[in-house]
Structure formats: C-alpha cells, structure tokens
Amino acid sequence: MTRLSSFRFLAFLFCSLPVACVVPAQQNPPAKPRARDLGVPFDGTPGPFNAITDVAGVLVGHTTLISGEGKLEVGKGPVRTGVTAVLPRGKDSMNNPVFAGWWSLNGNGEMTGTTWVEESGFLEGPVMITNTHSVGVVRDAVIQWRVTHGQPDPTGYWWSLPVVAETWDGWLNDINGFHVKPEHAFHAIDSAAAGPVQEGNVGGGTGMICNEFKGGIGTSSRKLDEKSGGYTVGVLVQCNYGVRPNLRIAGVPVGREIPEEPAYASASFSELDRGSIIVVVATDAPLVSHQLKRLSRRVSLGLGRNGSISGNGSGDIFIAFSTANPGAAAADHVVNLKMLPNDKIEPLFAATVQATEEAVINAMVAAETMTGINDHKVIALPHDKLRAVLKKYNRLSK
C-alpha cells in the first residue's frame, strides 16, 4: 500500500476506490525536511521561502489525486496523478501577460502554447503541469476557466493558447484511465497561493519518479545581492527523469552509493533514461523574451550538476518568465519598457543553475515511498543514507 502521511491516509479512506479523489491541502501542513535541512550544501542565497513564490506575485496551486491499490484496471485505478498550476501574476495572470521564453533540451515531451510564446514573446495565463495523457483536458480547462471568468472580454472576440506541460506517470498511475478532469485544473488554479510550496508527491508530481527514487514537485529560489540588482530567481520543477547510477548530489555519486530497489528494475527499459522534467523559472528582473530564452537554457546546467544526461526518452522542456514590466502587452498604445543590459545578466544565469539544482533535490527529499498500479513500488530517497554518503565524501554541511 502507498506510504502516505496520516492526513492523506484519512483522505484516502474517504475516497471511493473506483474514483480518484482530491487529497485536500492542509491549512498548516507539517514541516517536512528539505535538502538543506539534511545538510546538503548548495551555492547561493535563497529567498525567504526558498521557493518560486519568493518572486512577488507568483502563486502555486495543486490538485492531488490518489485512490485505489493493487492490479491495474484501466479506468478505475489505482490513481496516482494530479495537476499543478503556476500563476505568474497571481489571479491577474490572465489579463496581464508576462515576457517569457522557452527552450527544449530534449523534445520527447510536450508543452503546449510554446509556438505563440516564441512568436509573441509573451506568456498569457498560467503554466499548468500534469501527466502525459491529461494535457488536452487541462488545456481545455484553462480556456473554460477563462471563459467562465469573462477574461479578458466576455463580449468581444478573443482566443487562448494555454501553456500546459507533462511528464509520464504510467509506472504508478492508471494513465490511460483519464482521471484528471476539468474541475481538477480549476481547483489547482483557484487554490493557488503565495508562501511555502508543497513538494514531493503532490499535484502533477504525484506519480513521478526521479533517478529511480520517488520524485515529483520541487522548488527553490535565489536572491541576488544589491550589487547585482537584488533580483530574485525562483524555480519549480516536476521531475520524472534519470537513472540511478547517474544521480549526483553536491558532486557526490549518491546513485551509485545507494543502488538498492531502483524503480523499473522489472521493466524492459530498466537501463534506459526514460521520463521527463518540466522546469518553470520566474524572476522579477526586467528581462525581455530573448533574454528569458537564454535564462531557460541555463536550466540544463543545473540538471547537469545532478547528473542528468537528458536521455533519448526524456522530455526536458523549460520556460522562463519575468514579472517586471506590467502592462507590457497593452494593445492600444506604445509601451515604455525596462530591460536589464546583457552585460548584467550573468548573476541571473548563476541563480537559475543553482536554484534548478536544489529544486530537483528538494523534490526527491520531500517525496515519500509510493506503491501504484500492479504493486509497482518506488522508494523515497532515504534521508539517513543520503547523509551518510555525504559525510563519507566530506560534503555534509551540518
């Protein structure tokens, strides 16, 4: 049976097994240790929450779907999936687009709406993340949410090309059962909040696997010093990539030091890098679209620090946006913009690399052991063994 917190277990009991249930967010969720709490050393200075929400105005919401156990019955379960929403300008995200840029390190994946992001330079609305076979329903749900809320104009002509990304959770989840519904996307948007961000087995990350340990949602941030502008960079990942032998944490070959119980051991593709990672980068620095594309490329260097090779079967797709320049997408007048000089951008590159590296490890540290379809079990990264390995290599910070 899935190893759940007592809170989630109670929610699990109240769900009808054939139907996925929404595990409600806790008002005051118990604090989980994060990578820094375990003594993992990282470069850079995080913001107050060490999360993407350290960028003022950014909100994050989740819908987590968990029900059933045992043998896979397509359409019934077990269900281990969900939806995550990142709102760049809070609830005003639909009406006040942000400059954005995206990049694909390896294209075995999907992020809808990116051709218009590339062409226009703007991200309109939220970034949504879910499982591979639920991209369509989530995309349509975002449009429906906008129509319901009369955005941007309930009487005039308009159209929407939402950004929805995915990673594959079919090892643990009844992915062909289509359990994600429009109301789950609505809930992720409507419940989005500032402050601490839930990590691990939540939202779109519920059924994800990272370096053959349990993966999911992770986040981190970096605050630049005043000499570099005092800007903030925040990163949120949905990590579902990698093979155990490649995993490195703080430069240490943790994957080789903790080889037991790798996911996919019984599968024909057990030695291949299957899976994906979606990364969302936010900043309050005044960057325009081509600069944000440059920022999104630096995500790959953060993944490389953790040992990723971006394998053939991995969809590694990244998007970056800036909350600066509100009103830049105005259609009826010339807009005056601020833009950071390219010669001043390097601290933001470093912050992106550092926050990406930490966000992935935060996801793995927060994730809990999960059992899904056909009793497939994926173990969490064992905290005690991680500390022991870091100590062995003299990399434990405390």
Protein backbone atom coordinates (compact mmCIF):
# COMPACT_ATOMS: atom_id res chain seq x y z
CA MET A 1 0.00 0.00 0.00
CA THR A 2 1.12 3.52 -0.68
CA ARG A 3 3.05 5.02 2.22
CA LEU A 4 1.08 8.18 2.98
CA SER A 5 1.04 10.66 5.78
CA SER A 6 -1.73 10.07 8.30
CA PHE A 7 -3.54 13.10 6.85
CA ARG A 8 -3.51 11.68 3.33
CA PHE A 9 -4.38 8.24 4.62
CA LEU A 10 -7.58 9.57 6.18
CA ALA A 11 -8.42 11.32 2.93
CA PHE A 12 -7.69 8.05 1.12
CA LEU A 13 -10.16 6.15 3.31
CA PHE A 14 -12.96 8.57 2.47
CA CYS A 15 -12.48 8.17 -1.28
CA SER A 16 -14.46 5.69 -3.29
CA LEU A 17 -11.82 3.33 -4.67
CA PRO A 18 -13.04 3.28 -8.28
CA VAL A 19 -12.88 7.06 -8.46
CA ALA A 20 -9.83 9.24 -7.88
CA CYS A 21 -10.21 11.63 -5.00
CA VAL A 22 -8.78 15.05 -4.38
CA VAL A 23 -6.48 14.97 -1.39
CA PRO A 24 -7.23 18.34 0.22
CA ALA A 25 -4.47 20.77 1.03
CA GLN A 26 -3.72 21.11 4.70
CA GLN A 27 -4.16 24.53 6.28
CA ASN A 28 -0.95 24.04 8.25
CA PRO A 29 0.90 21.10 6.72
CA PRO A 30 3.56 19.58 8.98
CA ALA A 31 7.01 20.80 8.10
CA LYS A 32 9.00 18.33 6.03
CA PRO A 33 12.78 18.41 5.96
CA ARG A 34 14.22 19.88 2.83
CA ALA A 35 17.60 19.20 1.27
CA ARG A 36 19.37 21.95 3.25
CA ASP A 37 17.85 20.61 6.48
CA LEU A 38 19.60 17.29 5.80
CA GLY A 39 22.94 19.02 5.35
CA VAL A 40 23.10 19.08 1.56
CA PRO A 41 25.36 22.02 0.59
CA PHE A 42 24.26 24.36 -2.19
CA ASP A 43 25.68 27.55 -3.69
CA GLY A 44 23.86 30.86 -3.49
CA THR A 45 21.45 32.58 -1.12
CA PRO A 46 17.79 31.51 -1.19
CA GLY A 47 14.80 33.77 -0.63
CA PRO A 48 12.60 33.58 2.50
CA PHE A 49 10.62 30.54 1.32
CA ASN A 50 13.35 29.08 -0.90
CA ALA A 51 10.58 28.70 -3.48
CA ILE A 52 9.36 30.10 -6.77
CA THR A 53 6.86 32.13 -4.73
CA ASP A 54 9.74 34.28 -3.48
CA VAL A 55 9.19 36.14 -6.75
CA ALA A 56 6.47 38.56 -5.69
CA GLY A 57 3.09 37.84 -7.26
CA VAL A 58 3.79 34.22 -8.24
CA LEU A 59 1.25 31.73 -6.89
CA VAL A 60 1.33 27.91 -6.95
CA GLY A 61 -1.63 25.53 -6.63
CA HIS A 62 -2.01 21.75 -6.70
CA THR A 63 -4.70 19.14 -7.13
CA THR A 64 -3.54 15.71 -5.93
CA LEU A 65 -5.43 12.55 -6.96
CA ILE A 66 -4.79 9.34 -5.03
CA SER A 67 -7.07 6.29 -4.85
CA GLY A 68 -7.07 2.53 -5.21
CA GLU A 69 -4.40 -0.13 -4.91
CA GLY A 70 -3.37 -3.43 -6.47
CA LYS A 71 -3.92 -4.62 -10.02
CA LEU A 72 -4.38 -2.09 -12.79
CA GLU A 73 -7.95 -1.76 -14.06
CA VAL A 74 -7.92 0.84 -16.79
CA GLY A 75 -10.48 3.50 -16.00
CA LYS A 76 -10.68 2.53 -12.33
CA GLY A 77 -7.15 2.78 -11.00
CA PRO A 78 -5.02 2.75 -8.99
CA VAL A 79 -4.77 6.53 -9.41
CA ARG A 80 -1.60 8.48 -8.58
CA THR A 81 -1.70 11.75 -10.51
CA GLY A 82 -2.75 15.40 -10.41
CA VAL A 83 -2.32 18.95 -11.68
CA THR A 84 -0.03 21.83 -10.68
CA ALA A 85 -0.60 25.47 -11.61
CA VAL A 86 1.93 28.32 -11.59
CA LEU A 87 0.36 31.77 -11.90
CA PRO A 88 2.93 34.46 -12.85
CA ARG A 89 0.90 37.48 -11.72
CA GLY A 90 -1.50 35.77 -9.36
CA LYS A 91 -5.14 35.89 -10.34
CA ASP A 92 -4.34 38.75 -12.75
CA SER A 93 -2.21 36.40 -14.86
CA MET A 94 -4.92 36.01 -17.49
CA ASN A 95 -5.21 39.73 -18.20
CA ASN A 96 -1.62 40.89 -17.74
CA PRO A 97 0.78 38.72 -19.78
CA VAL A 98 4.44 38.42 -18.85
CA PHE A 99 7.51 38.38 -21.06
CA ALA A 100 8.61 34.75 -21.48
CA GLY A 101 10.97 32.44 -23.33
CA TRP A 102 11.12 28.66 -23.57
CA TRP A 103 13.62 26.04 -24.61
CA SER A 104 13.70 22.29 -25.16
CA LEU A 105 16.85 20.43 -24.15
CA ASN A 106 15.33 17.18 -25.43
CA GLY A 107 11.96 17.16 -27.13
CA ASN A 108 10.49 13.79 -26.13
CA GLY A 109 7.67 15.60 -24.33
CA GLU A 110 5.03 18.27 -24.64
CA MET A 111 4.48 21.87 -23.63
CA THR A 112 1.52 23.39 -25.47
CA GLY A 113 1.30 27.03 -26.44
CA THR A 114 5.02 27.49 -26.88
CA THR A 115 4.90 28.41 -30.57
CA TRP A 116 2.96 31.55 -29.61
CA VAL A 117 5.30 32.22 -26.68
CA GLU A 118 8.15 32.07 -29.20
CA GLU A 119 6.38 34.27 -31.71
CA SER A 120 4.86 36.86 -29.39
CA GLY A 121 7.39 36.85 -26.57
CA PHE A 122 4.58 36.69 -24.00
CA LEU A 123 3.08 34.08 -21.67
CA GLU A 124 -0.66 34.63 -21.25
CA GLY A 125 -2.14 32.91 -18.21
CA PRO A 126 -0.74 30.14 -16.01
CA VAL A 127 1.75 27.38 -16.63
CA MET A 128 -0.02 24.07 -15.94
CA ILE A 129 1.74 20.72 -15.39
CA THR A 130 0.11 17.28 -15.36
CA ASN A 131 0.61 13.77 -16.73
CA THR A 132 1.25 12.97 -20.39
CA HIS A 133 -2.25 11.83 -21.29
CA SER A 134 -4.04 14.66 -19.48
CA VAL A 135 -2.51 17.60 -21.36
CA GLY A 136 -5.58 18.02 -23.56
CA VAL A 137 -8.17 18.14 -20.80
CA VAL A 138 -6.08 20.56 -18.73
CA ARG A 139 -5.51 22.81 -21.74
CA ASP A 140 -9.22 22.93 -22.49
CA ALA A 141 -9.99 23.50 -18.81
CA VAL A 142 -7.80 26.61 -18.71
CA ILE A 143 -9.74 28.04 -21.65
CA GLN A 144 -13.02 27.15 -19.94
CA TRP A 145 -11.83 28.80 -16.72
CA ARG A 146 -11.09 31.98 -18.64
CA VAL A 147 -14.48 31.92 -20.38
CA THR A 148 -16.27 31.37 -17.07
CA HIS A 149 -14.44 34.31 -15.53
CA GLY A 150 -15.10 36.58 -18.50
CA GLN A 151 -11.46 37.08 -19.39
CA PRO A 152 -10.31 39.14 -20.99
CA ASP A 153 -13.59 40.37 -22.52
CA PRO A 154 -16.85 38.44 -22.17
CA THR A 155 -18.41 40.15 -25.19
CA GLY A 156 -15.54 40.58 -27.64
CA TYR A 157 -13.51 38.23 -29.85
CA TRP A 158 -10.54 36.56 -28.23
CA TRP A 159 -8.68 33.28 -28.21
CA SER A 160 -6.36 31.41 -25.88
CA LEU A 161 -3.33 29.15 -26.33
CA PRO A 162 -2.60 27.87 -22.80
CA VAL A 163 0.78 26.55 -21.75
CA VAL A 164 0.37 23.01 -20.42
CA ALA A 165 3.30 20.64 -19.90
CA GLU A 166 3.59 16.98 -18.93
CA THR A 167 5.69 14.15 -17.62
CA TRP A 168 4.75 10.44 -17.69
CA ASP A 169 3.44 8.77 -14.53
CA GLY A 170 2.35 5.48 -16.09
CA TRP A 171 4.56 3.31 -13.86
CA LEU A 172 2.46 4.19 -10.80
CA ASN A 173 -0.73 5.67 -12.23
CA ASP A 174 -3.60 4.42 -14.42
CA ILE A 175 -2.54 6.93 -17.04
CA ASN A 176 -4.94 5.61 -19.68
CA GLY A 177 -7.86 5.93 -17.27
CA PHE A 178 -8.08 9.70 -17.85
CA HIS A 179 -8.74 10.53 -14.22
CA VAL A 180 -7.79 14.20 -14.47
CA LYS A 181 -10.94 16.23 -15.11
CA PRO A 182 -11.56 19.94 -15.78
CA GLU A 183 -12.54 20.54 -12.16
CA HIS A 184 -9.08 19.39 -11.06
CA ALA A 185 -7.45 22.03 -13.21
CA PHE A 186 -9.92 24.62 -11.89
CA HIS A 187 -9.04 23.66 -8.31
CA ALA A 188 -5.29 23.98 -8.97
CA ILE A 189 -5.82 27.49 -10.33
CA ASP A 190 -8.34 28.62 -7.71
CA SER A 191 -6.30 27.26 -4.78
CA ALA A 192 -3.00 28.77 -5.95
CA ALA A 193 -1.31 30.69 -3.14
CA ALA A 194 1.84 32.53 -2.16
CA GLY A 195 4.24 31.40 0.56
CA PRO A 196 5.62 27.88 1.12
CA VAL A 197 5.03 25.41 -1.71
CA GLN A 198 4.11 21.78 -1.11
CA GLU A 199 6.69 19.44 -2.64
CA GLY A 200 7.11 15.77 -3.46
CA ASN A 201 4.02 13.62 -4.08
CA VAL A 202 1.67 16.48 -4.88
CA GLY A 203 -0.14 17.92 -7.89
CA GLY A 204 1.25 16.92 -11.25
CA GLY A 205 4.19 15.33 -9.45
CA THR A 206 2.09 12.80 -7.52
CA GLY A 207 3.10 9.73 -9.54
CA MET A 208 6.51 10.84 -10.78
CA ILE A 209 9.90 9.15 -10.41
CA CYS A 210 13.32 10.83 -10.38
CA ASN A 211 16.62 8.98 -10.76
CA GLU A 212 14.68 5.82 -9.85
CA PHE A 213 13.71 7.25 -6.47
CA LYS A 214 10.32 8.82 -5.88
CA GLY A 215 10.21 12.26 -7.50
CA GLY A 216 7.61 14.94 -8.05
CA ILE A 217 7.35 18.68 -7.40
CA GLY A 218 10.30 20.65 -6.06
CA THR A 219 11.17 24.32 -5.80
CA SER A 220 13.95 26.68 -4.80
CA SER A 221 14.98 30.33 -5.20
CA ARG A 222 17.98 32.63 -5.18
CA LYS A 223 18.21 36.24 -4.02
CA LEU A 224 20.90 38.32 -5.73
CA ASP A 225 22.95 40.81 -3.75
CA GLU A 226 22.29 44.52 -4.15
CA LYS A 227 25.35 44.98 -6.35
CA SER A 228 23.76 42.56 -8.82
CA GLY A 229 20.38 44.29 -8.62
CA GLY A 230 18.80 42.48 -5.66
CA TYR A 231 16.61 40.46 -8.03
CA THR A 232 15.02 37.11 -7.21
CA VAL A 233 15.01 33.96 -9.34
CA GLY A 234 12.63 31.13 -8.46
CA VAL A 235 12.42 27.66 -9.97
CA LEU A 236 9.73 24.97 -9.82
CA VAL A 237 10.31 21.50 -11.26
CA GLN A 238 8.22 18.45 -11.96
CA CYS A 239 10.98 15.86 -12.07
CA ASN A 240 10.48 12.42 -13.57
CA TYR A 241 13.82 11.73 -15.26
CA GLY A 242 17.10 9.90 -14.84
CA VAL A 243 18.66 6.56 -13.94
CA ARG A 244 20.08 5.74 -10.55
CA PRO A 245 23.79 5.41 -11.46
CA ASN A 246 23.86 8.95 -12.88
CA LEU A 247 22.49 10.70 -9.78
CA ARG A 248 24.88 13.12 -8.15
CA ILE A 249 24.06 15.33 -5.17
CA ALA A 250 26.52 18.06 -4.15
CA GLY A 251 29.00 16.43 -6.53
CA VAL A 252 28.75 13.05 -4.78
CA PRO A 253 27.78 9.88 -6.72
CA VAL A 254 24.79 9.21 -4.46
CA GLY A 255 23.05 6.99 -7.03
CA ARG A 256 25.94 4.53 -7.09
CA GLU A 257 26.25 4.62 -3.29
CA ILE A 258 22.53 3.83 -2.77
CA PRO A 259 21.79 1.28 -5.51
CA GLU A 260 19.04 -0.72 -3.77
CA GLU A 261 15.47 -1.02 -5.02
CA PRO A 262 15.69 1.02 -8.22
CA ALA A 263 12.40 1.77 -9.96
CA TYR A 264 11.77 0.00 -13.27
CA ALA A 265 14.01 -2.93 -12.23
CA SER A 266 11.46 -5.37 -13.66
CA ALA A 267 10.89 -3.40 -16.87
CA SER A 268 12.49 -3.98 -20.26
CA PHE A 269 13.70 -0.35 -20.27
CA SER A 270 15.28 -0.53 -16.82
CA GLU A 271 18.68 0.72 -18.00
CA LEU A 272 17.37 3.50 -20.24
CA ASP A 273 16.83 7.12 -19.25
CA ARG A 274 13.04 7.27 -19.56
CA GLY A 275 10.90 10.05 -18.19
CA SER A 276 10.99 13.83 -18.35
CA ILE A 277 11.39 17.05 -16.42
CA ILE A 278 9.46 20.28 -16.73
CA VAL A 279 11.09 23.38 -15.24
CA VAL A 280 9.46 26.78 -14.69
CA VAL A 281 11.75 29.74 -13.97
CA ALA A 282 10.40 33.01 -12.60
CA THR A 283 12.21 36.28 -11.97
CA ASP A 284 11.41 39.88 -11.12
CA ALA A 285 14.41 41.10 -13.09
CA PRO A 286 13.42 43.22 -16.12
CA LEU A 287 14.23 40.72 -18.83
CA VAL A 288 12.57 40.58 -22.23
CA SER A 289 11.72 37.46 -24.19
CA HIS A 290 15.07 36.72 -25.87
CA GLN A 291 16.85 37.13 -22.52
CA LEU A 292 14.36 34.79 -20.84
CA LYS A 293 15.06 32.18 -23.50
CA ARG A 294 18.72 32.48 -22.53
CA LEU A 295 17.71 32.01 -18.89
CA SER A 296 15.70 28.87 -19.71
CA ARG A 297 18.73 27.34 -21.43
CA ARG A 298 20.72 27.62 -18.18
CA VAL A 299 18.32 25.16 -16.53
CA SER A 300 20.20 22.39 -18.34
CA LEU A 301 23.39 23.24 -16.42
CA GLY A 302 21.56 22.84 -13.10
CA LEU A 303 20.32 19.42 -14.20
CA GLY A 304 23.83 18.52 -15.28
CA ARG A 305 25.08 19.21 -11.76
CA ASN A 306 22.72 16.45 -10.60
CA GLY A 307 23.98 14.02 -13.22
CA SER A 308 21.34 14.32 -15.94
CA ILE A 309 22.39 13.37 -19.47
CA SER A 310 18.98 14.27 -20.95
CA GLY A 311 18.48 10.80 -22.40
CA ASN A 312 16.71 9.99 -25.65
CA GLY A 313 13.49 9.09 -23.86
CA SER A 314 13.42 12.18 -21.67
CA GLY A 315 11.37 15.27 -22.43
CA ASP A 316 13.32 18.12 -20.85
CA ILE A 317 11.40 21.33 -21.52
CA PHE A 318 11.80 24.66 -19.74
CA ILE A 319 10.01 28.01 -19.63
CA ALA A 320 11.11 31.27 -18.00
CA PHE A 321 9.11 34.43 -17.37
CA SER A 322 9.60 37.86 -15.81
CA THR A 323 7.08 39.66 -13.63
CA ALA A 324 8.70 43.02 -14.41
CA ASN A 325 7.19 45.42 -16.95
CA PRO A 326 3.50 45.07 -16.01
CA GLY A 327 1.24 46.19 -18.81
CA ALA A 328 3.85 45.48 -21.46
CA ALA A 329 1.31 43.60 -23.58
CA ALA A 330 -1.01 46.59 -23.93
CA ALA A 331 -2.56 46.68 -27.39
CA ASP A 332 -3.67 50.29 -27.67
CA HIS A 333 -0.55 52.38 -27.00
CA VAL A 334 3.22 52.41 -27.16
CA VAL A 335 4.74 50.90 -24.02
CA ASN A 336 7.90 52.04 -22.29
CA LEU A 337 9.97 49.09 -21.11
CA LYS A 338 12.88 48.43 -18.80
CA MET A 339 15.49 45.89 -19.86
CA LEU A 340 18.49 44.63 -17.97
CA PRO A 341 21.67 45.01 -20.06
CA ASN A 342 23.07 41.72 -21.29
CA ASP A 343 26.33 42.54 -19.55
CA LYS A 344 24.45 42.45 -16.21
CA ILE A 345 22.68 39.13 -16.75
CA GLU A 346 25.29 36.63 -15.58
CA PRO A 347 24.24 36.63 -11.89
CA LEU A 348 20.76 35.59 -13.06
CA PHE A 349 22.29 32.74 -15.07
CA ALA A 350 24.11 31.54 -11.95
CA ALA A 351 20.96 31.85 -9.84
CA THR A 352 19.00 29.76 -12.35
CA VAL A 353 21.61 27.00 -12.34
CA GLN A 354 21.78 26.94 -8.55
CA ALA A 355 18.02 27.04 -7.95
CA THR A 356 17.39 24.30 -10.53
CA GLU A 357 19.95 22.02 -8.90
CA GLU A 358 18.37 22.49 -5.48
CA ALA A 359 14.74 22.26 -6.64
CA VAL A 360 15.30 18.76 -8.01
CA ILE A 361 16.89 17.54 -4.78
CA ASN A 362 14.12 19.21 -2.75
CA ALA A 363 11.57 17.23 -4.78
CA MET A 364 13.36 13.97 -4.03
CA VAL A 365 13.85 14.75 -0.33
CA ALA A 366 10.16 15.66 0.10
CA ALA A 367 8.79 12.69 -1.84
CA GLU A 368 7.51 9.64 0.04
CA THR A 369 7.65 5.98 -0.94
CA MET A 370 4.66 5.14 -3.15
CA THR A 371 3.08 1.93 -4.41
CA GLY A 372 0.90 2.21 -7.50
CA ILE A 373 -0.54 0.07 -10.27
CA ASN A 374 0.25 -3.65 -10.17
CA ASP A 375 2.03 -3.06 -6.85
CA HIS A 376 4.86 -1.15 -8.52
CA LYS A 377 6.78 0.33 -5.61
CA VAL A 378 9.10 3.31 -5.82
CA ILE A 379 11.12 4.09 -2.71
CA ALA A 380 11.86 7.56 -1.41
CA LEU A 381 15.43 8.78 -1.24
CA PRO A 382 16.45 7.57 2.26
CA HIS A 383 17.46 10.60 4.29
CA ASP A 384 19.77 8.75 6.66
CA LYS A 385 21.66 7.07 3.85
CA LEU A 386 21.94 10.35 1.94
CA ARG A 387 23.53 12.00 4.98
CA ALA A 388 25.87 9.05 5.44
CA VAL A 389 27.04 9.24 1.82
CA LEU A 390 27.59 13.00 2.01
CA LYS A 391 29.56 12.52 5.22
CA LYS A 392 31.66 9.80 3.60
CA TYR A 393 32.71 12.27 0.88
CA ASN A 394 33.13 15.13 3.36
CA ARG A 395 30.26 17.07 1.79
CA LEU A 396 27.83 17.21 4.72
CA SER A 397 27.23 20.84 5.64
CA LYS A 398 25.95 20.22 9.18
